[in-house]
Amino acid sequence: MLAFLARPWILALAFSSPLLADGPFRELSFNEALAASLKEERAVFIDFYTTWCPPCKQLDEVTWKDERVIQWLKDNTVALKIDAEVEAELAQRFAVGAYPTLLFVGSDGKELGRFVGYKGPDEFLSEAPAAMKGETESDRVRKKLEEKPNDFGLRMDLGSALHQEGRFEEALAEYIWCYDKGIEYNPNYSAVRNSYLLGDFTELGYVYPPATTALLEREQRAREKLLSGEGGFEEAADVGSICRALGQNGKVLELWDELAEGGKLSSQIRIALFNEVLNPLLSAGRYAEVLNQIGDVSSYLKQEIEGYYETISMDEANESLKEHMLRSCLIDSAKIYEALLGVQDERAPAYAKDVLAFNSTAQAYSRLVRAAAKAKSWEAARELLTQGYASADSKGEKLLRLAERRLPKAERLPRDKK
């Protein structure tokens, strides 16, 4: 491993290669950076990013603009920014599988250390020197765990770090601890357990099948408790969330039906499983069951809209999150509209009107048209298309045309109505 010592003549040469304007990054190829690294006796630093990665953009807006970070990178590294999708071969060489990946490389081309994910200026400056000397992310997390050995978040971070380092068996052990024991020490992490943790579990399963096996064992255990009558909301939530993570929602519907036949589908179990059986129920045309579970559709829509506004009012809500929440709200609302049309419920027109009162963009009209098409309610779809085309701009018209293609040709609007 190189000793990166600053000498006066080295510092004079350090910036002989072109720098990107107002930043620490140089316009060099990887091989040119290795040559500069050897000459200047310092590490190569690479920010592997993608154009679509929010944490990568956050680095650009915050960390890489911090004057202290800029100076440290200039003083200690030959810094590069590399689009991992453009330089895919180089990214593959260093097993870059998540973004951003911040890599330290010696002049011999061998990895010295790495970070994965966003690092704020203070965190980067405190951890970068050790990373450059070979300290791994898992080493750093283990140090933090010495003071908080049962911290759910840190144990998740350790599992993620071990996964990135290719230490799959150790990573699985951390994820299993979080899933089986974590909320005993950290009750507030129950939602994280059945969402982000399961996401980490399934990602590990792609490269290490025992992780998938471990999840299936826990799903089966919870399922058996429910079928025996001993399980309740918690077990149902476990089955639903694991099947969702593994893309097996059909299994949840099978369980739903089996519990219903045995008289064990309690109201609490219904609530826990409903989000996972909603799409299968709609696909099966079991619209009455959907509406029976929803109850008051106006109240349901009101709660969806309130949840949307509550989320986008948070300080940390950026435009990307706002767009995601709007899309989710419209998709969920359209599912109930499909069910109403599917049973020819007289509340359907008023419900659609309430959705459009909340959001009257082409996106909203498009979602409702698609829902009407699924329910084979051609008249409702045509009415929505007529209203949507009347107020849509060119971009909106494209959305509506895509939605209209869900209708049989014979049921689409005449050209002069568009």
Protein backbone atom coordinates (compact mmCIF):
# COMPACT_ATOMS: atom_id res chain seq x y z
CA MET A 1 0.00 0.00 0.00
CA LEU A 2 1.35 3.43 -0.88
CA ALA A 3 2.24 6.00 1.74
CA PHE A 4 0.64 9.20 0.54
CA LEU A 5 2.96 11.94 1.82
CA ALA A 6 2.71 15.53 0.66
CA ARG A 7 6.04 17.02 -0.49
CA PRO A 8 6.50 20.59 -1.74
CA TRP A 9 7.53 19.56 -5.28
CA ILE A 10 4.68 17.05 -5.46
CA LEU A 11 2.16 19.72 -4.51
CA ALA A 12 3.54 21.92 -7.25
CA LEU A 13 2.84 19.17 -9.79
CA ALA A 14 -0.47 18.09 -8.33
CA PHE A 15 -2.59 20.37 -10.45
CA SER A 16 -0.62 20.17 -13.67
CA SER A 17 -3.50 18.13 -15.15
CA PRO A 18 -6.76 19.94 -15.96
CA LEU A 19 -9.40 20.22 -13.22
CA LEU A 20 -13.15 20.39 -13.67
CA ALA A 21 -14.25 23.96 -13.03
CA ASP A 22 -14.64 24.95 -9.39
CA GLY A 23 -14.19 21.44 -8.05
CA PRO A 24 -11.71 18.76 -7.05
CA PHE A 25 -12.23 16.45 -10.03
CA ARG A 26 -9.78 16.15 -12.91
CA GLU A 27 -10.50 15.51 -16.58
CA LEU A 28 -8.39 12.37 -16.87
CA SER A 29 -8.93 8.82 -18.02
CA PHE A 30 -8.49 6.11 -15.42
CA ASN A 31 -5.08 5.12 -16.78
CA GLU A 32 -3.96 8.76 -16.82
CA ALA A 33 -5.13 9.06 -13.21
CA LEU A 34 -3.05 6.00 -12.24
CA ALA A 35 0.02 7.58 -13.81
CA ALA A 36 -0.64 10.82 -11.92
CA SER A 37 -1.17 8.81 -8.73
CA LEU A 38 2.25 7.16 -9.10
CA LYS A 39 3.97 10.44 -9.88
CA GLU A 40 2.33 12.38 -7.04
CA GLU A 41 2.32 9.52 -4.50
CA ARG A 42 -1.35 9.81 -3.74
CA ALA A 43 -4.47 7.70 -4.23
CA VAL A 44 -6.91 7.84 -7.07
CA PHE A 45 -10.40 8.72 -5.84
CA ILE A 46 -13.39 7.81 -8.02
CA ASP A 47 -16.97 8.92 -7.60
CA PHE A 48 -18.88 6.24 -9.54
CA TYR A 49 -22.28 7.81 -10.23
CA THR A 50 -25.26 7.54 -12.56
CA THR A 51 -27.35 10.34 -14.02
CA TRP A 52 -30.55 9.01 -12.40
CA CYS A 53 -29.23 8.47 -8.86
CA PRO A 54 -30.63 10.95 -6.25
CA PRO A 55 -27.82 10.40 -3.67
CA CYS A 56 -25.29 11.04 -6.45
CA LYS A 57 -26.93 14.38 -7.16
CA GLN A 58 -26.95 15.15 -3.46
CA LEU A 59 -23.20 14.60 -3.37
CA ASP A 60 -22.83 17.07 -6.24
CA GLU A 61 -25.02 19.67 -4.55
CA VAL A 62 -23.64 19.36 -1.02
CA THR A 63 -20.47 17.37 -0.41
CA TRP A 64 -18.50 18.16 -3.56
CA LYS A 65 -19.26 21.87 -3.11
CA ASP A 66 -17.90 21.99 0.43
CA GLU A 67 -14.61 23.93 0.41
CA ARG A 68 -13.05 21.66 3.03
CA VAL A 69 -13.87 18.55 1.01
CA ILE A 70 -12.60 20.13 -2.20
CA GLN A 71 -9.29 21.03 -0.57
CA TRP A 72 -8.86 17.60 1.05
CA LEU A 73 -9.43 15.81 -2.26
CA LYS A 74 -7.02 18.14 -4.04
CA ASP A 75 -4.36 17.68 -1.37
CA ASN A 76 -4.67 13.90 -1.02
CA THR A 77 -6.05 12.35 -4.19
CA VAL A 78 -6.28 12.35 -7.95
CA ALA A 79 -10.07 12.70 -8.03
CA LEU A 80 -12.30 11.51 -10.87
CA LYS A 81 -16.04 11.47 -11.54
CA ILE A 82 -17.04 8.47 -13.66
CA ASP A 83 -20.49 7.63 -14.99
CA ALA A 84 -20.74 3.92 -14.16
CA GLU A 85 -23.10 3.28 -17.07
CA VAL A 86 -20.77 4.92 -19.58
CA GLU A 87 -17.64 3.30 -18.15
CA ALA A 88 -19.40 0.01 -17.47
CA GLU A 89 -16.29 -2.12 -17.90
CA LEU A 90 -14.38 -0.13 -15.28
CA ALA A 91 -17.36 -0.24 -12.91
CA GLN A 92 -17.55 -4.01 -13.37
CA ARG A 93 -13.82 -4.34 -12.71
CA PHE A 94 -14.36 -2.87 -9.25
CA ALA A 95 -17.67 -4.69 -8.65
CA VAL A 96 -19.65 -1.48 -8.41
CA GLY A 97 -23.20 -2.55 -7.72
CA ALA A 98 -24.75 0.45 -5.96
CA TYR A 99 -24.60 4.18 -6.42
CA PRO A 100 -22.85 6.27 -5.55
CA THR A 101 -19.76 4.15 -4.92
CA LEU A 102 -16.80 6.23 -3.74
CA LEU A 103 -13.59 4.33 -4.38
CA PHE A 104 -9.96 4.81 -3.35
CA VAL A 105 -7.46 3.08 -5.66
CA GLY A 106 -3.67 2.81 -5.41
CA SER A 107 -1.33 3.63 -8.29
CA ASP A 108 -1.12 -0.11 -8.97
CA GLY A 109 -4.84 -0.15 -9.80
CA LYS A 110 -5.83 -2.11 -6.71
CA GLU A 111 -8.67 -1.00 -4.47
CA LEU A 112 -7.69 0.57 -1.15
CA GLY A 113 -11.16 1.20 0.27
CA ARG A 114 -14.65 2.40 -0.57
CA PHE A 115 -17.85 4.06 0.58
CA VAL A 116 -21.27 3.16 -0.76
CA GLY A 117 -24.02 5.74 -0.54
CA TYR A 118 -24.24 9.39 0.30
CA LYS A 119 -21.73 10.95 2.69
CA GLY A 120 -22.17 14.46 4.01
CA PRO A 121 -19.11 16.73 4.21
CA ASP A 122 -18.35 16.11 7.89
CA GLU A 123 -18.84 12.34 7.63
CA PHE A 124 -16.73 12.15 4.48
CA LEU A 125 -13.86 14.12 6.00
CA SER A 126 -13.86 12.06 9.20
CA GLU A 127 -13.93 8.67 7.42
CA ALA A 128 -12.04 9.23 4.16
CA PRO A 129 -8.48 9.08 5.57
CA ALA A 130 -9.10 5.65 7.13
CA ALA A 131 -10.89 4.40 4.01
CA MET A 132 -7.89 5.44 1.93
CA LYS A 133 -5.70 3.29 4.18
CA GLY A 134 -7.88 0.22 3.74
CA GLU A 135 -10.49 0.51 6.48
CA THR A 136 -13.72 -0.99 5.14
CA GLU A 137 -17.26 0.24 5.63
CA SER A 138 -17.98 -2.79 7.79
CA ASP A 139 -14.97 -1.90 9.97
CA ARG A 140 -16.40 1.58 10.49
CA VAL A 141 -19.87 0.30 11.35
CA ARG A 142 -18.48 -2.29 13.78
CA LYS A 143 -16.71 0.51 15.68
CA LYS A 144 -20.04 2.31 16.08
CA LEU A 145 -21.70 -0.93 17.20
CA GLU A 146 -19.25 -1.28 20.09
CA GLU A 147 -21.27 1.37 21.92
CA LYS A 148 -24.69 0.29 20.59
CA PRO A 149 -24.55 -3.48 19.91
CA ASN A 150 -28.34 -3.83 19.55
CA ASP A 151 -28.96 -0.81 17.34
CA PHE A 152 -31.27 -1.89 14.51
CA GLY A 153 -30.12 0.77 12.05
CA LEU A 154 -26.44 0.05 12.60
CA ARG A 155 -26.94 -3.71 12.27
CA MET A 156 -28.75 -3.09 8.96
CA ASP A 157 -25.88 -0.86 7.84
CA LEU A 158 -23.42 -3.59 8.78
CA GLY A 159 -25.34 -6.16 6.77
CA SER A 160 -25.39 -3.83 3.77
CA ALA A 161 -21.66 -3.15 4.07
CA LEU A 162 -20.85 -6.85 4.32
CA HIS A 163 -23.04 -7.51 1.28
CA GLN A 164 -21.16 -4.89 -0.74
CA GLU A 165 -17.86 -6.44 0.37
CA GLY A 166 -18.96 -9.87 -0.84
CA ARG A 167 -19.18 -11.34 2.68
CA PHE A 168 -22.62 -12.78 2.08
CA GLU A 169 -22.89 -15.27 4.95
CA GLU A 170 -22.02 -12.56 7.49
CA ALA A 171 -24.44 -10.14 5.83
CA LEU A 172 -27.27 -12.67 6.10
CA ALA A 173 -26.53 -13.19 9.79
CA GLU A 174 -26.99 -9.44 10.39
CA TYR A 175 -30.23 -9.29 8.39
CA ILE A 176 -31.61 -12.31 10.26
CA TRP A 177 -30.80 -10.66 13.59
CA CYS A 178 -32.60 -7.49 12.49
CA TYR A 179 -35.66 -9.41 11.30
CA ASP A 180 -35.94 -11.85 14.21
CA LYS A 181 -34.74 -9.77 17.16
CA GLY A 182 -34.27 -6.18 16.05
CA ILE A 183 -37.62 -4.74 17.05
CA GLU A 184 -37.30 -6.22 20.55
CA TYR A 185 -34.66 -3.54 21.12
CA ASN A 186 -35.97 -0.98 18.60
CA PRO A 187 -39.81 -1.08 18.43
CA ASN A 188 -39.92 2.01 16.20
CA TYR A 189 -38.26 0.05 13.40
CA SER A 190 -41.22 -2.27 12.72
CA ALA A 191 -42.10 -0.46 9.47
CA VAL A 192 -38.45 -0.55 8.36
CA ARG A 193 -38.32 -4.27 9.14
CA ASN A 194 -41.10 -5.04 6.67
CA SER A 195 -39.90 -2.67 3.95
CA TYR A 196 -36.28 -1.56 3.64
CA LEU A 197 -34.87 -4.57 5.48
CA LEU A 198 -36.77 -6.95 3.22
CA GLY A 199 -35.44 -5.03 0.23
CA ASP A 200 -31.90 -5.65 1.46
CA PHE A 201 -32.78 -9.31 2.12
CA THR A 202 -34.07 -9.87 -1.42
CA GLU A 203 -31.11 -8.09 -3.02
CA LEU A 204 -28.78 -10.39 -1.11
CA GLY A 205 -30.87 -13.33 -2.27
CA TYR A 206 -30.08 -12.55 -5.92
CA VAL A 207 -26.42 -13.40 -5.32
CA TYR A 208 -26.72 -15.62 -2.23
CA PRO A 209 -29.76 -17.97 -2.39
CA PRO A 210 -29.68 -18.87 1.35
CA ALA A 211 -31.03 -15.35 1.99
CA THR A 212 -34.16 -16.14 -0.04
CA THR A 213 -34.46 -19.47 1.75
CA ALA A 214 -34.31 -17.70 5.12
CA LEU A 215 -37.15 -15.39 4.09
CA LEU A 216 -39.31 -18.25 2.83
CA GLU A 217 -38.81 -20.11 6.11
CA ARG A 218 -40.09 -17.08 8.04
CA GLU A 219 -43.04 -16.64 5.69
CA GLN A 220 -43.97 -20.32 6.14
CA ARG A 221 -43.68 -20.06 9.91
CA ALA A 222 -46.02 -17.07 10.02
CA ARG A 223 -48.44 -18.71 7.56
CA GLU A 224 -48.70 -21.86 9.71
CA LYS A 225 -49.51 -19.79 12.79
CA LEU A 226 -52.30 -18.02 10.93
CA LEU A 227 -53.80 -21.25 9.61
CA SER A 228 -53.68 -22.79 13.08
CA GLY A 229 -55.62 -19.84 14.47
CA GLU A 230 -52.73 -18.71 16.67
CA GLY A 231 -51.53 -15.87 14.46
CA GLY A 232 -52.86 -12.35 14.13
CA PHE A 233 -52.01 -9.00 12.62
CA GLU A 234 -48.24 -9.34 13.10
CA GLU A 235 -47.99 -12.72 11.39
CA ALA A 236 -50.27 -11.57 8.57
CA ALA A 237 -48.11 -8.49 8.05
CA ASP A 238 -45.03 -10.74 7.89
CA VAL A 239 -46.57 -13.01 5.26
CA GLY A 240 -47.79 -10.07 3.20
CA SER A 241 -44.55 -8.13 3.28
CA ILE A 242 -42.31 -11.14 2.53
CA CYS A 243 -44.50 -12.23 -0.40
CA ARG A 244 -44.48 -8.67 -1.72
CA ALA A 245 -40.69 -8.51 -1.48
CA LEU A 246 -40.38 -11.82 -3.33
CA GLY A 247 -43.04 -10.96 -5.91
CA GLN A 248 -45.38 -13.70 -4.73
CA ASN A 249 -48.62 -11.82 -4.05
CA GLY A 250 -50.59 -14.71 -5.52
CA LYS A 251 -49.60 -16.75 -2.47
CA VAL A 252 -51.18 -14.09 -0.24
CA LEU A 253 -54.49 -14.43 -2.05
CA GLU A 254 -54.32 -18.19 -1.59
CA LEU A 255 -53.82 -17.66 2.14
CA TRP A 256 -56.66 -15.08 2.21
CA ASP A 257 -59.05 -17.60 0.66
CA GLU A 258 -57.90 -20.44 2.90
CA LEU A 259 -58.37 -18.33 6.03
CA ALA A 260 -61.80 -17.17 4.81
CA GLU A 261 -62.92 -20.75 4.20
CA GLY A 262 -61.81 -21.72 7.71
CA GLY A 263 -63.49 -18.73 9.34
CA LYS A 264 -60.12 -17.34 10.46
CA LEU A 265 -59.98 -14.18 8.35
CA SER A 266 -60.43 -11.68 11.18
CA SER A 267 -60.74 -7.95 10.63
CA GLN A 268 -57.15 -7.39 11.81
CA ILE A 269 -55.80 -10.04 9.44
CA ARG A 270 -57.84 -8.50 6.61
CA ILE A 271 -56.27 -5.12 7.27
CA ALA A 272 -52.76 -6.59 7.35
CA LEU A 273 -53.16 -8.54 4.11
CA PHE A 274 -55.38 -6.25 2.06
CA ASN A 275 -52.69 -4.17 0.33
CA GLU A 276 -51.06 -7.37 -0.90
CA VAL A 277 -54.27 -9.03 -2.11
CA LEU A 278 -55.77 -5.91 -3.70
CA ASN A 279 -54.17 -6.37 -7.12
CA PRO A 280 -54.86 -10.12 -7.27
CA LEU A 281 -58.49 -9.50 -6.26
CA LEU A 282 -58.85 -6.87 -8.99
CA SER A 283 -57.22 -9.12 -11.57
CA ALA A 284 -59.66 -11.88 -10.63
CA GLY A 285 -62.61 -9.51 -10.98
CA ARG A 286 -63.52 -9.93 -7.31
CA TYR A 287 -64.61 -6.33 -7.09
CA ALA A 288 -67.27 -6.77 -4.42
CA GLU A 289 -64.68 -8.11 -1.97
CA VAL A 290 -62.48 -5.08 -2.60
CA LEU A 291 -65.32 -2.67 -1.91
CA ASN A 292 -66.46 -4.63 1.11
CA GLN A 293 -62.99 -4.24 2.61
CA ILE A 294 -62.72 -0.54 1.69
CA GLY A 295 -66.12 0.41 3.09
CA ASP A 296 -66.71 4.12 2.64
CA VAL A 297 -64.90 4.94 -0.62
CA SER A 298 -65.16 8.70 -0.02
CA SER A 299 -63.36 8.35 3.30
CA TYR A 300 -60.77 6.13 1.65
CA LEU A 301 -60.06 8.74 -1.02
CA LYS A 302 -59.93 11.50 1.57
CA GLN A 303 -57.32 9.56 3.55
CA GLU A 304 -55.25 8.97 0.40
CA ILE A 305 -55.28 12.69 -0.43
CA GLU A 306 -54.49 13.72 3.14
CA GLY A 307 -51.57 11.28 3.19
CA TYR A 308 -50.26 12.80 -0.02
CA TYR A 309 -50.40 16.36 1.31
CA GLU A 310 -48.89 15.34 4.64
CA THR A 311 -45.92 13.72 2.90
CA ILE A 312 -45.18 16.51 0.43
CA SER A 313 -45.31 19.10 3.22
CA MET A 314 -42.30 17.53 4.94
CA ASP A 315 -39.12 19.58 4.82
CA GLU A 316 -37.18 16.77 3.15
CA ALA A 317 -39.77 16.27 0.38
CA ASN A 318 -38.05 17.01 -2.94
CA GLU A 319 -39.64 17.13 -6.37
CA SER A 320 -38.87 13.47 -7.04
CA LEU A 321 -40.67 12.40 -3.85
CA LYS A 322 -43.64 14.66 -4.64
CA GLU A 323 -43.98 13.15 -8.12
CA HIS A 324 -43.75 9.63 -6.69
CA MET A 325 -46.40 10.34 -4.06
CA LEU A 326 -48.77 11.87 -6.61
CA ARG A 327 -48.37 8.89 -8.93
CA SER A 328 -48.98 6.46 -6.04
CA CYS A 329 -52.05 8.36 -4.87
CA LEU A 330 -53.58 8.38 -8.36
CA ILE A 331 -52.80 4.70 -8.95
CA ASP A 332 -54.35 3.65 -5.63
CA SER A 333 -57.41 5.84 -6.20
CA ALA A 334 -57.90 4.43 -9.69
CA LYS A 335 -57.96 0.88 -8.32
CA ILE A 336 -61.05 1.69 -6.25
CA TYR A 337 -62.64 3.35 -9.27
CA GLU A 338 -62.09 0.12 -11.22
CA ALA A 339 -63.85 -1.84 -8.50
CA LEU A 340 -66.80 0.59 -8.44
CA LEU A 341 -67.21 0.32 -12.20
CA GLY A 342 -66.74 -3.45 -12.05
CA VAL A 343 -69.90 -3.86 -9.96
CA GLN A 344 -71.67 -0.95 -11.67
CA ASP A 345 -71.79 0.94 -8.39
CA GLU A 346 -73.69 4.21 -8.69
CA ARG A 347 -70.98 5.94 -6.65
CA ALA A 348 -68.45 5.61 -9.50
CA PRO A 349 -69.15 8.94 -11.32
CA ALA A 350 -69.00 10.96 -8.08
CA TYR A 351 -65.82 9.15 -7.04
CA ALA A 352 -64.12 9.98 -10.36
CA LYS A 353 -65.23 13.58 -9.99
CA ASP A 354 -63.64 13.75 -6.52
CA VAL A 355 -60.37 12.33 -7.86
CA LEU A 356 -60.31 14.96 -10.60
CA ALA A 357 -61.14 17.69 -8.10
CA PHE A 358 -57.93 16.69 -6.32
CA ASN A 359 -55.87 16.48 -9.50
CA SER A 360 -57.17 17.21 -13.00
CA THR A 361 -53.96 16.62 -14.95
CA ALA A 362 -53.73 14.29 -17.91
CA GLN A 363 -52.00 11.84 -15.58
CA ALA A 364 -55.14 11.62 -13.44
CA TYR A 365 -57.43 11.22 -16.45
CA SER A 366 -55.08 8.57 -17.84
CA ARG A 367 -55.18 6.51 -14.63
CA LEU A 368 -58.97 6.63 -14.48
CA VAL A 369 -59.29 5.67 -18.17
CA ARG A 370 -57.01 2.67 -17.62
CA ALA A 371 -59.12 1.64 -14.62
CA ALA A 372 -62.31 1.91 -16.68
CA ALA A 373 -60.74 -0.19 -19.42
CA LYS A 374 -59.83 -2.93 -16.94
CA ALA A 375 -63.43 -2.96 -15.72
CA LYS A 376 -64.61 -2.99 -19.37
CA SER A 377 -66.66 0.13 -18.72
CA TRP A 378 -66.22 1.61 -22.19
CA GLU A 379 -68.72 4.44 -21.82
CA ALA A 380 -67.02 5.76 -18.66
CA ALA A 381 -63.64 5.53 -20.38
CA ARG A 382 -64.85 7.51 -23.40
CA GLU A 383 -66.38 10.23 -21.20
CA LEU A 384 -63.09 10.62 -19.33
CA LEU A 385 -61.11 10.71 -22.56
CA THR A 386 -63.37 13.41 -23.99
CA GLN A 387 -62.91 15.55 -20.86
CA GLY A 388 -59.18 14.88 -20.72
CA TYR A 389 -58.46 15.73 -24.36
CA ALA A 390 -60.37 19.00 -23.98
CA SER A 391 -57.86 20.37 -21.46
CA ALA A 392 -54.66 18.48 -22.28
CA ASP A 393 -51.48 19.95 -23.74
CA SER A 394 -49.39 18.01 -26.26
CA LYS A 395 -47.64 15.99 -23.54
CA GLY A 396 -50.97 15.22 -21.90
CA GLU A 397 -52.46 14.12 -25.20
CA LYS A 398 -49.71 11.51 -25.53
CA LEU A 399 -50.59 10.12 -22.10
CA LEU A 400 -54.25 9.95 -23.00
CA ARG A 401 -53.57 8.27 -26.34
CA LEU A 402 -51.56 5.59 -24.53
CA ALA A 403 -54.44 5.08 -22.11
CA GLU A 404 -56.97 4.95 -24.96
CA ARG A 405 -55.06 2.05 -26.51
CA ARG A 406 -56.26 -0.04 -23.56
CA LEU A 407 -59.72 0.08 -25.13
CA PRO A 408 -60.73 -2.19 -28.05
CA LYS A 409 -60.55 -0.25 -31.32
CA ALA A 410 -64.32 -0.34 -31.67
CA GLU A 411 -64.73 1.38 -28.29
CA ARG A 412 -62.26 4.23 -28.85
CA LEU A 413 -63.26 7.82 -29.56
CA PRO A 414 -63.87 8.88 -33.14
CA ARG A 415 -60.99 11.03 -34.44
CA ASP A 416 -63.11 14.19 -34.50
CA LYS A 417 -63.79 13.82 -30.74
CA LYS A 418 -60.12 14.01 -29.75
